[in-house]
Amino acid sequence: MAKGRNNLLGVGGQRKKLFRADQQGAGSARVADRKAAEDKKQELVRKMRERAEAQAATTTEPGAGQDA
């Protein structure tokens, strides 16, 4: 048998590391920040898609007019 039988370090999986803010109940602020960042990202992606579509539309319009 091992000498350190009473040492149960690592037994039972890993715990989630709680930050000091989470322990004091301010963890929801971090969740709100993540949501705000995700919303900003989605807005940026939407704007980029709109610009790309507008640019593609203006690029195809002159070419179609010259062929006709």
PDB file of N, CA and C in Angstrom:
ATOM      1  N   MET A   1       0.838  -1.184   0.000  1.00  0.00           N
ATOM      2  CA  MET A   1       0.000   0.000   0.000  1.00  0.00           C
ATOM      3  C   MET A   1       0.887   1.253   0.000  1.00  0.00           C
ATOM      4  N   ALA A   2       0.343   2.294  -0.536  1.00  0.00           N
ATOM      5  CA  ALA A   2       1.098   3.540  -0.620  1.00  0.00           C
ATOM      6  C   ALA A   2       1.153   4.229   0.739  1.00  0.00           C
ATOM      7  N   LYS A   3       2.247   4.934   0.944  1.00  0.00           N
ATOM      8  CA  LYS A   3       2.396   5.646   2.212  1.00  0.00           C
ATOM      9  C   LYS A   3       1.376   6.766   2.341  1.00  0.00           C
ATOM     10  N   GLY A   4       1.113   7.464   1.268  1.00  0.00           N
ATOM     11  CA  GLY A   4       0.224   8.622   1.312  1.00  0.00           C
ATOM     12  C   GLY A   4      -1.222   8.231   1.108  1.00  0.00           C
ATOM     13  N   ARG A   5      -1.676   7.247   1.790  1.00  0.00           N
ATOM     14  CA  ARG A   5      -3.039   6.748   1.604  1.00  0.00           C
ATOM     15  C   ARG A   5      -4.089   7.799   1.973  1.00  0.00           C
ATOM     16  N   ASN A   6      -3.796   8.639   2.926  1.00  0.00           N
ATOM     17  CA  ASN A   6      -4.756   9.646   3.346  1.00  0.00           C
ATOM     18  C   ASN A   6      -4.771  10.869   2.424  1.00  0.00           C
ATOM     19  N   ASN A   7      -3.853  10.911   1.503  1.00  0.00           N
ATOM     20  CA  ASN A   7      -3.789  12.030   0.576  1.00  0.00           C
ATOM     21  C   ASN A   7      -4.716  11.734  -0.601  1.00  0.00           C
ATOM     22  N   LEU A   8      -5.855  12.390  -0.658  1.00  0.00           N
ATOM     23  CA  LEU A   8      -6.843  12.125  -1.696  1.00  0.00           C
ATOM     24  C   LEU A   8      -6.808  13.187  -2.797  1.00  0.00           C
ATOM     25  N   LEU A   9      -5.663  13.795  -2.953  1.00  0.00           N
ATOM     26  CA  LEU A   9      -5.528  14.820  -3.973  1.00  0.00           C
ATOM     27  C   LEU A   9      -5.747  14.209  -5.352  1.00  0.00           C
ATOM     28  N   GLY A  10      -6.628  14.801  -6.135  1.00  0.00           N
ATOM     29  CA  GLY A  10      -6.885  14.323  -7.482  1.00  0.00           C
ATOM     30  C   GLY A  10      -7.961  13.268  -7.569  1.00  0.00           C
ATOM     31  N   VAL A  11      -8.503  12.850  -6.448  1.00  0.00           N
ATOM     32  CA  VAL A  11      -9.548  11.832  -6.469  1.00  0.00           C
ATOM     33  C   VAL A  11     -10.897  12.532  -6.595  1.00  0.00           C
ATOM     34  N   GLY A  12     -11.706  12.089  -7.532  1.00  0.00           N
ATOM     35  CA  GLY A  12     -13.043  12.642  -7.666  1.00  0.00           C
ATOM     36  C   GLY A  12     -13.170  13.707  -8.730  1.00  0.00           C
ATOM     37  N   GLY A  13     -12.210  13.828  -9.603  1.00  0.00           N
ATOM     38  CA  GLY A  13     -12.320  14.778 -10.701  1.00  0.00           C
ATOM     39  C   GLY A  13     -11.778  16.144 -10.336  1.00  0.00           C
ATOM     40  N   GLN A  14     -11.976  17.077 -11.237  1.00  0.00           N
ATOM     41  CA  GLN A  14     -11.446  18.421 -11.037  1.00  0.00           C
ATOM     42  C   GLN A  14     -12.576  19.370 -10.674  1.00  0.00           C
ATOM     43  N   ARG A  15     -12.237  20.323  -9.867  1.00  0.00           N
ATOM     44  CA  ARG A  15     -13.206  21.353  -9.516  1.00  0.00           C
ATOM     45  C   ARG A  15     -13.055  22.530 -10.457  1.00  0.00           C
ATOM     46  N   LYS A  16     -14.145  23.215 -10.658  1.00  0.00           N
ATOM     47  CA  LYS A  16     -14.088  24.445 -11.429  1.00  0.00           C
ATOM     48  C   LYS A  16     -13.406  25.496 -10.574  1.00  0.00           C
ATOM     49  N   LYS A  17     -12.487  26.200 -11.159  1.00  0.00           N
ATOM     50  CA  LYS A  17     -11.768  27.222 -10.423  1.00  0.00           C
ATOM     51  C   LYS A  17     -12.673  28.434 -10.251  1.00  0.00           C
ATOM     52  N   LEU A  18     -12.956  28.793  -9.025  1.00  0.00           N
ATOM     53  CA  LEU A  18     -13.803  29.939  -8.757  1.00  0.00           C
ATOM     54  C   LEU A  18     -12.939  31.169  -8.532  1.00  0.00           C
ATOM     55  N   PHE A  19     -13.199  32.186  -9.284  1.00  0.00           N
ATOM     56  CA  PHE A  19     -12.474  33.420  -9.102  1.00  0.00           C
ATOM     57  C   PHE A  19     -13.058  34.172  -7.912  1.00  0.00           C
ATOM     58  N   ARG A  20     -12.324  35.102  -7.422  1.00  0.00           N
ATOM     59  CA  ARG A  20     -12.752  35.845  -6.235  1.00  0.00           C
ATOM     60  C   ARG A  20     -14.088  36.543  -6.477  1.00  0.00           C
ATOM     61  N   ALA A  21     -14.282  37.101  -7.656  1.00  0.00           N
ATOM     62  CA  ALA A  21     -15.543  37.777  -7.967  1.00  0.00           C
ATOM     63  C   ALA A  21     -16.705  36.784  -7.966  1.00  0.00           C
ATOM     64  N   ASP A  22     -16.467  35.585  -8.483  1.00  0.00           N
ATOM     65  CA  ASP A  22     -17.508  34.567  -8.487  1.00  0.00           C
ATOM     66  C   ASP A  22     -17.880  34.152  -7.077  1.00  0.00           C
ATOM     67  N   GLN A  23     -16.908  34.047  -6.218  1.00  0.00           N
ATOM     68  CA  GLN A  23     -17.167  33.639  -4.844  1.00  0.00           C
ATOM     69  C   GLN A  23     -17.984  34.679  -4.102  1.00  0.00           C
ATOM     70  N   GLN A  24     -17.826  35.930  -4.479  1.00  0.00           N
ATOM     71  CA  GLN A  24     -18.543  37.001  -3.803  1.00  0.00           C
ATOM     72  C   GLN A  24     -19.878  37.314  -4.467  1.00  0.00           C
ATOM     73  N   GLY A  25     -20.250  36.544  -5.464  1.00  0.00           N
ATOM     74  CA  GLY A  25     -21.549  36.731  -6.096  1.00  0.00           C
ATOM     75  C   GLY A  25     -21.550  37.691  -7.261  1.00  0.00           C
ATOM     76  N   ALA A  26     -20.387  38.118  -7.722  1.00  0.00           N
ATOM     77  CA  ALA A  26     -20.321  39.049  -8.845  1.00  0.00           C
ATOM     78  C   ALA A  26     -20.046  38.311 -10.154  1.00  0.00           C
ATOM     79  N   GLY A  27     -20.232  37.031 -10.178  1.00  0.00           N
ATOM     80  CA  GLY A  27     -19.971  36.254 -11.379  1.00  0.00           C
ATOM     81  C   GLY A  27     -20.926  36.582 -12.507  1.00  0.00           C
ATOM     82  N   SER A  28     -22.122  37.049 -12.167  1.00  0.00           N
ATOM     83  CA  SER A  28     -23.093  37.360 -13.206  1.00  0.00           C
ATOM     84  C   SER A  28     -22.642  38.531 -14.071  1.00  0.00           C
ATOM     85  N   ALA A  29     -21.799  39.405 -13.529  1.00  0.00           N
ATOM     86  CA  ALA A  29     -21.291  40.520 -14.322  1.00  0.00           C
ATOM     87  C   ALA A  29     -20.421  40.002 -15.453  1.00  0.00           C
ATOM     88  N   ARG A  30     -19.646  38.974 -15.173  1.00  0.00           N
ATOM     89  CA  ARG A  30     -18.792  38.401 -16.209  1.00  0.00           C
ATOM     90  C   ARG A  30     -19.637  37.744 -17.289  1.00  0.00           C
ATOM     91  N   VAL A  31     -20.713  37.106 -16.899  1.00  0.00           N
ATOM     92  CA  VAL A  31     -21.614  36.490 -17.875  1.00  0.00           C
ATOM     93  C   VAL A  31     -22.243  37.571 -18.741  1.00  0.00           C
ATOM     94  N   ALA A  32     -22.623  38.685 -18.131  1.00  0.00           N
ATOM     95  CA  ALA A  32     -23.214  39.788 -18.888  1.00  0.00           C
ATOM     96  C   ALA A  32     -22.195  40.366 -19.869  1.00  0.00           C
ATOM     97  N   ASP A  33     -20.938  40.452 -19.449  1.00  0.00           N
ATOM     98  CA  ASP A  33     -19.898  40.958 -20.343  1.00  0.00           C
ATOM     99  C   ASP A  33     -19.718  40.036 -21.536  1.00  0.00           C
ATOM    100  N   ARG A  34     -19.765  38.742 -21.291  1.00  0.00           N
ATOM    101  CA  ARG A  34     -19.637  37.786 -22.405  1.00  0.00           C
ATOM    102  C   ARG A  34     -20.795  37.929 -23.371  1.00  0.00           C
ATOM    103  N   LYS A  35     -22.000  38.108 -22.835  1.00  0.00           N
ATOM    104  CA  LYS A  35     -23.173  38.262 -23.695  1.00  0.00           C
ATOM    105  C   LYS A  35     -23.060  39.543 -24.518  1.00  0.00           C
ATOM    106  N   ALA A  36     -22.611  40.614 -23.890  1.00  0.00           N
ATOM    107  CA  ALA A  36     -22.450  41.878 -24.608  1.00  0.00           C
ATOM    108  C   ALA A  36     -21.414  41.731 -25.713  1.00  0.00           C
ATOM    109  N   ALA A  37     -20.335  41.027 -25.426  1.00  0.00           N
ATOM    110  CA  ALA A  37     -19.305  40.820 -26.438  1.00  0.00           C
ATOM    111  C   ALA A  37     -19.846  39.972 -27.585  1.00  0.00           C
ATOM    112  N   GLU A  38     -20.634  38.969 -27.269  1.00  0.00           N
ATOM    113  CA  GLU A  38     -21.227  38.124 -28.311  1.00  0.00           C
ATOM    114  C   GLU A  38     -22.196  38.938 -29.171  1.00  0.00           C
ATOM    115  N   ASP A  39     -22.962  39.816 -28.535  1.00  0.00           N
ATOM    116  CA  ASP A  39     -23.889  40.664 -29.287  1.00  0.00           C
ATOM    117  C   ASP A  39     -23.137  41.599 -30.230  1.00  0.00           C
ATOM    118  N   LYS A  40     -22.041  42.169 -29.757  1.00  0.00           N
ATOM    119  CA  LYS A  40     -21.230  43.051 -30.601  1.00  0.00           C
ATOM    120  C   LYS A  40     -20.663  42.283 -31.786  1.00  0.00           C
ATOM    121  N   LYS A  41     -20.236  41.062 -31.528  1.00  0.00           N
ATOM    122  CA  LYS A  41     -19.673  40.239 -32.600  1.00  0.00           C
ATOM    123  C   LYS A  41     -20.732  39.927 -33.650  1.00  0.00           C
ATOM    124  N   GLN A  42     -21.928  39.570 -33.205  1.00  0.00           N
ATOM    125  CA  GLN A  42     -23.006  39.263 -34.138  1.00  0.00           C
ATOM    126  C   GLN A  42     -23.368  40.490 -34.978  1.00  0.00           C
ATOM    127  N   GLU A  43     -23.382  41.658 -34.340  1.00  0.00           N
ATOM    128  CA  GLU A  43     -23.681  42.900 -35.059  1.00  0.00           C
ATOM    129  C   GLU A  43     -22.608  43.188 -36.108  1.00  0.00           C
ATOM    130  N   LEU A  44     -21.361  42.979 -35.739  1.00  0.00           N
ATOM    131  CA  LEU A  44     -20.260  43.207 -36.673  1.00  0.00           C
ATOM    132  C   LEU A  44     -20.346  42.246 -37.857  1.00  0.00           C
ATOM    133  N   VAL A  45     -20.649  40.998 -37.594  1.00  0.00           N
ATOM    134  CA  VAL A  45     -20.781  40.009 -38.668  1.00  0.00           C
ATOM    135  C   VAL A  45     -21.929  40.394 -39.604  1.00  0.00           C
ATOM    136  N   ARG A  46     -23.033  40.861 -39.016  1.00  0.00           N
ATOM    137  CA  ARG A  46     -24.179  41.267 -39.838  1.00  0.00           C
ATOM    138  C   ARG A  46     -23.809  42.443 -40.746  1.00  0.00           C
ATOM    139  N   LYS A  47     -23.106  43.430 -40.185  1.00  0.00           N
ATOM    140  CA  LYS A  47     -22.695  44.586 -40.990  1.00  0.00           C
ATOM    141  C   LYS A  47     -21.736  44.179 -42.101  1.00  0.00           C
ATOM    142  N   MET A  48     -20.816  43.278 -41.793  1.00  0.00           N
ATOM    143  CA  MET A  48     -19.855  42.833 -42.799  1.00  0.00           C
ATOM    144  C   MET A  48     -20.559  42.099 -43.932  1.00  0.00           C
ATOM    145  N   ARG A  49     -21.558  41.268 -43.576  1.00  0.00           N
ATOM    146  CA  ARG A  49     -22.304  40.558 -44.614  1.00  0.00           C
ATOM    147  C   ARG A  49     -23.078  41.529 -45.494  1.00  0.00           C
ATOM    148  N   GLU A  50     -23.696  42.536 -44.874  1.00  0.00           N
ATOM    149  CA  GLU A  50     -24.443  43.526 -45.655  1.00  0.00           C
ATOM    150  C   GLU A  50     -23.515  44.269 -46.619  1.00  0.00           C
ATOM    151  N   ARG A  51     -22.346  44.648 -46.146  1.00  0.00           N
ATOM    152  CA  ARG A  51     -21.389  45.352 -47.008  1.00  0.00           C
ATOM    153  C   ARG A  51     -20.928  44.461 -48.149  1.00  0.00           C
ATOM    154  N   ALA A  52     -20.669  43.188 -47.835  1.00  0.00           N
ATOM    155  CA  ALA A  52     -20.222  42.261 -48.871  1.00  0.00           C
ATOM    156  C   ALA A  52     -21.308  42.057 -49.925  1.00  0.00           C
ATOM    157  N   GLU A  53     -22.563  41.938 -49.471  1.00  0.00           N
ATOM    158  CA  GLU A  53     -23.670  41.770 -50.416  1.00  0.00           C
ATOM    159  C   GLU A  53     -23.851  43.022 -51.275  1.00  0.00           C
ATOM    160  N   ALA A  54     -23.725  44.188 -50.649  1.00  0.00           N
ATOM    161  CA  ALA A  54     -23.870  45.435 -51.403  1.00  0.00           C
ATOM    162  C   ALA A  54     -22.747  45.585 -52.425  1.00  0.00           C
ATOM    163  N   GLN A  55     -21.552  45.215 -52.023  1.00  0.00           N
ATOM    164  CA  GLN A  55     -20.420  45.304 -52.937  1.00  0.00           C
ATOM    165  C   GLN A  55     -20.588  44.310 -54.084  1.00  0.00           C
ATOM    166  N   ALA A  56     -21.067  43.117 -53.791  1.00  0.00           N
ATOM    167  CA  ALA A  56     -21.290  42.122 -54.835  1.00  0.00           C
ATOM    168  C   ALA A  56     -22.389  42.588 -55.791  1.00  0.00           C
ATOM    169  N   ALA A  57     -23.409  43.235 -55.258  1.00  0.00           N
ATOM    170  CA  ALA A  57     -24.511  43.713 -56.096  1.00  0.00           C
ATOM    171  C   ALA A  57     -24.037  44.833 -57.018  1.00  0.00           C
ATOM    172  N   THR A  58     -23.209  45.740 -56.520  1.00  0.00           N
ATOM    173  CA  THR A  58     -22.722  46.833 -57.365  1.00  0.00           C
ATOM    174  C   THR A  58     -21.716  46.331 -58.389  1.00  0.00           C
ATOM    175  N   THR A  59     -21.006  45.271 -58.052  1.00  0.00           N
ATOM    176  CA  THR A  59     -20.030  44.717 -58.989  1.00  0.00           C
ATOM    177  C   THR A  59     -20.738  44.019 -60.145  1.00  0.00           C
ATOM    178  N   THR A  60     -21.837  43.335 -59.882  1.00  0.00           N
ATOM    179  CA  THR A  60     -22.536  42.583 -60.940  1.00  0.00           C
ATOM    180  C   THR A  60     -23.426  43.485 -61.777  1.00  0.00           C
ATOM    181  N   GLU A  61     -23.930  44.590 -61.255  1.00  0.00           N
ATOM    182  CA  GLU A  61     -24.846  45.454 -62.007  1.00  0.00           C
ATOM    183  C   GLU A  61     -24.188  46.070 -63.252  1.00  0.00           C
ATOM    184  N   PRO A  62     -22.991  46.679 -63.157  1.00  0.00           N
ATOM    185  CA  PRO A  62     -22.409  47.272 -64.375  1.00  0.00           C
ATOM    186  C   PRO A  62     -22.092  46.210 -65.431  1.00  0.00           C
ATOM    187  N   GLY A  63     -21.663  45.043 -65.031  1.00  0.00           N
ATOM    188  CA  GLY A  63     -21.344  43.990 -65.991  1.00  0.00           C
ATOM    189  C   GLY A  63     -22.565  43.522 -66.731  1.00  0.00           C
ATOM    190  N   ALA A  64     -23.685  43.431 -66.034  1.00  0.00           N
ATOM    191  CA  ALA A  64     -24.925  42.979 -66.670  1.00  0.00           C
ATOM    192  C   ALA A  64     -25.444  44.046 -67.642  1.00  0.00           C
ATOM    193  N   GLY A  65     -25.246  45.311 -67.338  1.00  0.00           N
ATOM    194  CA  GLY A  65     -25.700  46.383 -68.211  1.00  0.00           C
ATOM    195  C   GLY A  65     -24.888  46.462 -69.491  1.00  0.00           C
ATOM    196  N   GLN A  66     -23.616  46.121 -69.462  1.00  0.00           N
ATOM    197  CA  GLN A  66     -22.759  46.190 -70.634  1.00  0.00           C
ATOM    198  C   GLN A  66     -23.052  45.047 -71.596  1.00  0.00           C
ATOM    199  N   ASP A  67     -23.434  43.891 -71.068  1.00  0.00           N
ATOM    200  CA  ASP A  67     -23.702  42.740 -71.927  1.00  0.00           C
ATOM    201  C   ASP A  67     -24.999  42.913 -72.705  1.00  0.00           C
ATOM    202  N   ALA A  68     -25.962  43.609 -72.168  1.00  0.00           N
ATOM    203  CA  ALA A  68     -27.287  43.696 -72.805  1.00  0.00           C
ATOM    204  C   ALA A  68     -27.331  44.697 -73.922  1.00  0.00           C
TER     205      ALA A  68
END
